[in-house]
Amino acid sequence: MAIGICALLFVAMVSATALLAAEVTITGTISEEGIVADDGQVYAVVKNDKGDELMDHVNKKVRATGTVEEREGKKVITVTSFEVTE
């Protein structure tokens, strides 16, 4: 029975991780902290080629696509593409 419970917990954990890793699109304004989404949520931007390029557009409105995860209680986006919308 204990093995069955552990197996169910493992499946639930893997499913939750897969859902969190889904690609999303966020619309917001670039600030020094990252993307401030239209709903007020702040997303830190992972340092990679696209993330660094995105952060060159401080104070501009953007639409960014990437994977979002939570690290140390903060939302973090790994940007795969973006466009400046203003």
C-alpha atoms as a PDB file:
ATOM      1  CA  MET A   1       0.000   0.000   0.000  1.00  0.00           C
ATOM      2  CA  ALA A   2       2.839   2.398   0.848  1.00  0.00           C
ATOM      3  CA  ILE A   3       4.402   1.761  -2.564  1.00  0.00           C
ATOM      4  CA  GLY A   4       1.086   2.575  -4.244  1.00  0.00           C
ATOM      5  CA  ILE A   5       0.776   5.867  -2.364  1.00  0.00           C
ATOM      6  CA  CYS A   6       4.363   6.798  -3.254  1.00  0.00           C
ATOM      7  CA  ALA A   7       3.680   5.983  -6.904  1.00  0.00           C
ATOM      8  CA  LEU A   8       0.581   8.201  -6.920  1.00  0.00           C
ATOM      9  CA  LEU A   9       2.490  11.068  -5.312  1.00  0.00           C
ATOM     10  CA  PHE A  10       5.270  10.700  -7.877  1.00  0.00           C
ATOM     11  CA  VAL A  11       2.794  10.804 -10.782  1.00  0.00           C
ATOM     12  CA  ALA A  12       1.111  13.890  -9.312  1.00  0.00           C
ATOM     13  CA  MET A  13       4.462  15.639  -8.872  1.00  0.00           C
ATOM     14  CA  VAL A  14       5.598  14.869 -12.432  1.00  0.00           C
ATOM     15  CA  SER A  15       2.249  16.050 -13.826  1.00  0.00           C
ATOM     16  CA  ALA A  16       2.433  19.330 -11.885  1.00  0.00           C
ATOM     17  CA  THR A  17       5.989  19.949 -13.110  1.00  0.00           C
ATOM     18  CA  ALA A  18       4.926  19.328 -16.709  1.00  0.00           C
ATOM     19  CA  LEU A  19       2.077  21.807 -16.378  1.00  0.00           C
ATOM     20  CA  LEU A  20       4.371  24.472 -14.936  1.00  0.00           C
ATOM     21  CA  ALA A  21       6.834  23.994 -17.792  1.00  0.00           C
ATOM     22  CA  ALA A  22       4.220  24.723 -20.483  1.00  0.00           C
ATOM     23  CA  GLU A  23       5.001  27.620 -22.794  1.00  0.00           C
ATOM     24  CA  VAL A  24       3.049  30.803 -22.039  1.00  0.00           C
ATOM     25  CA  THR A  25       2.802  34.305 -23.492  1.00  0.00           C
ATOM     26  CA  ILE A  26       2.940  37.312 -21.164  1.00  0.00           C
ATOM     27  CA  THR A  27       2.095  40.883 -22.101  1.00  0.00           C
ATOM     28  CA  GLY A  28       3.586  43.604 -19.932  1.00  0.00           C
ATOM     29  CA  THR A  29       6.203  46.286 -19.467  1.00  0.00           C
ATOM     30  CA  ILE A  30       9.924  45.698 -19.009  1.00  0.00           C
ATOM     31  CA  SER A  31      11.347  47.031 -15.748  1.00  0.00           C
ATOM     32  CA  GLU A  32      14.710  46.598 -14.032  1.00  0.00           C
ATOM     33  CA  GLU A  33      13.168  43.628 -12.148  1.00  0.00           C
ATOM     34  CA  GLY A  34      11.882  41.852 -15.269  1.00  0.00           C
ATOM     35  CA  ILE A  35       8.467  41.809 -16.896  1.00  0.00           C
ATOM     36  CA  VAL A  36       5.629  43.517 -15.035  1.00  0.00           C
ATOM     37  CA  ALA A  37       2.609  41.787 -16.554  1.00  0.00           C
ATOM     38  CA  ASP A  38      -0.601  43.662 -17.274  1.00  0.00           C
ATOM     39  CA  ASP A  39      -2.133  41.920 -14.216  1.00  0.00           C
ATOM     40  CA  GLY A  40       0.670  43.244 -11.961  1.00  0.00           C
ATOM     41  CA  GLN A  41       2.547  39.928 -11.589  1.00  0.00           C
ATOM     42  CA  VAL A  42       6.338  40.365 -11.860  1.00  0.00           C
ATOM     43  CA  TYR A  43       8.360  37.770 -13.782  1.00  0.00           C
ATOM     44  CA  ALA A  44      12.130  37.669 -13.389  1.00  0.00           C
ATOM     45  CA  VAL A  45      13.835  36.984 -16.725  1.00  0.00           C
ATOM     46  CA  VAL A  46      16.383  34.162 -16.998  1.00  0.00           C
ATOM     47  CA  LYS A  47      19.730  35.322 -18.345  1.00  0.00           C
ATOM     48  CA  ASN A  48      20.126  33.800 -21.809  1.00  0.00           C
ATOM     49  CA  ASP A  49      20.464  35.323 -25.291  1.00  0.00           C
ATOM     50  CA  LYS A  50      16.734  36.115 -25.680  1.00  0.00           C
ATOM     51  CA  GLY A  51      16.331  37.190 -22.053  1.00  0.00           C
ATOM     52  CA  ASP A  52      19.281  39.590 -22.284  1.00  0.00           C
ATOM     53  CA  GLU A  53      17.948  40.995 -25.564  1.00  0.00           C
ATOM     54  CA  LEU A  54      14.496  41.474 -24.000  1.00  0.00           C
ATOM     55  CA  MET A  55      15.946  43.338 -21.012  1.00  0.00           C
ATOM     56  CA  ASP A  56      17.396  45.940 -23.425  1.00  0.00           C
ATOM     57  CA  HIS A  57      13.812  47.262 -23.808  1.00  0.00           C
ATOM     58  CA  VAL A  58      13.245  48.757 -20.331  1.00  0.00           C
ATOM     59  CA  ASN A  59      10.027  50.824 -20.082  1.00  0.00           C
ATOM     60  CA  LYS A  60       8.636  49.331 -23.296  1.00  0.00           C
ATOM     61  CA  LYS A  61       5.533  47.195 -23.651  1.00  0.00           C
ATOM     62  CA  VAL A  62       6.271  43.662 -24.885  1.00  0.00           C
ATOM     63  CA  ARG A  63       4.696  40.300 -25.578  1.00  0.00           C
ATOM     64  CA  ALA A  64       7.092  37.576 -24.382  1.00  0.00           C
ATOM     65  CA  THR A  65       6.775  33.828 -24.850  1.00  0.00           C
ATOM     66  CA  GLY A  66       8.613  31.219 -22.815  1.00  0.00           C
ATOM     67  CA  THR A  67       8.387  28.742 -19.976  1.00  0.00           C
ATOM     68  CA  VAL A  68       7.488  29.915 -16.483  1.00  0.00           C
ATOM     69  CA  GLU A  69       8.496  28.294 -13.240  1.00  0.00           C
ATOM     70  CA  GLU A  70       8.576  29.305  -9.610  1.00  0.00           C
ATOM     71  CA  ARG A  71      11.933  29.705  -7.873  1.00  0.00           C
ATOM     72  CA  GLU A  72      12.212  30.736  -4.245  1.00  0.00           C
ATOM     73  CA  GLY A  73       8.635  32.018  -4.305  1.00  0.00           C
ATOM     74  CA  LYS A  74       9.130  34.155  -7.435  1.00  0.00           C
ATOM     75  CA  LYS A  75       7.897  33.612 -10.986  1.00  0.00           C
ATOM     76  CA  VAL A  76      10.724  33.248 -13.504  1.00  0.00           C
ATOM     77  CA  ILE A  77      10.403  33.131 -17.299  1.00  0.00           C
ATOM     78  CA  THR A  78      12.884  31.609 -19.729  1.00  0.00           C
ATOM     79  CA  VAL A  79      12.151  33.669 -22.845  1.00  0.00           C
ATOM     80  CA  THR A  80      12.092  31.878 -26.199  1.00  0.00           C
ATOM     81  CA  SER A  81      10.714  34.780 -28.253  1.00  0.00           C
ATOM     82  CA  PHE A  82       9.328  38.272 -27.824  1.00  0.00           C
ATOM     83  CA  GLU A  83       8.099  41.329 -29.679  1.00  0.00           C
ATOM     84  CA  VAL A  84       7.997  44.979 -28.653  1.00  0.00           C
ATOM     85  CA  THR A  85       4.391  46.106 -28.987  1.00  0.00           C
ATOM     86  CA  GLU A  86       4.731  49.893 -28.647  1.00  0.00           C
END
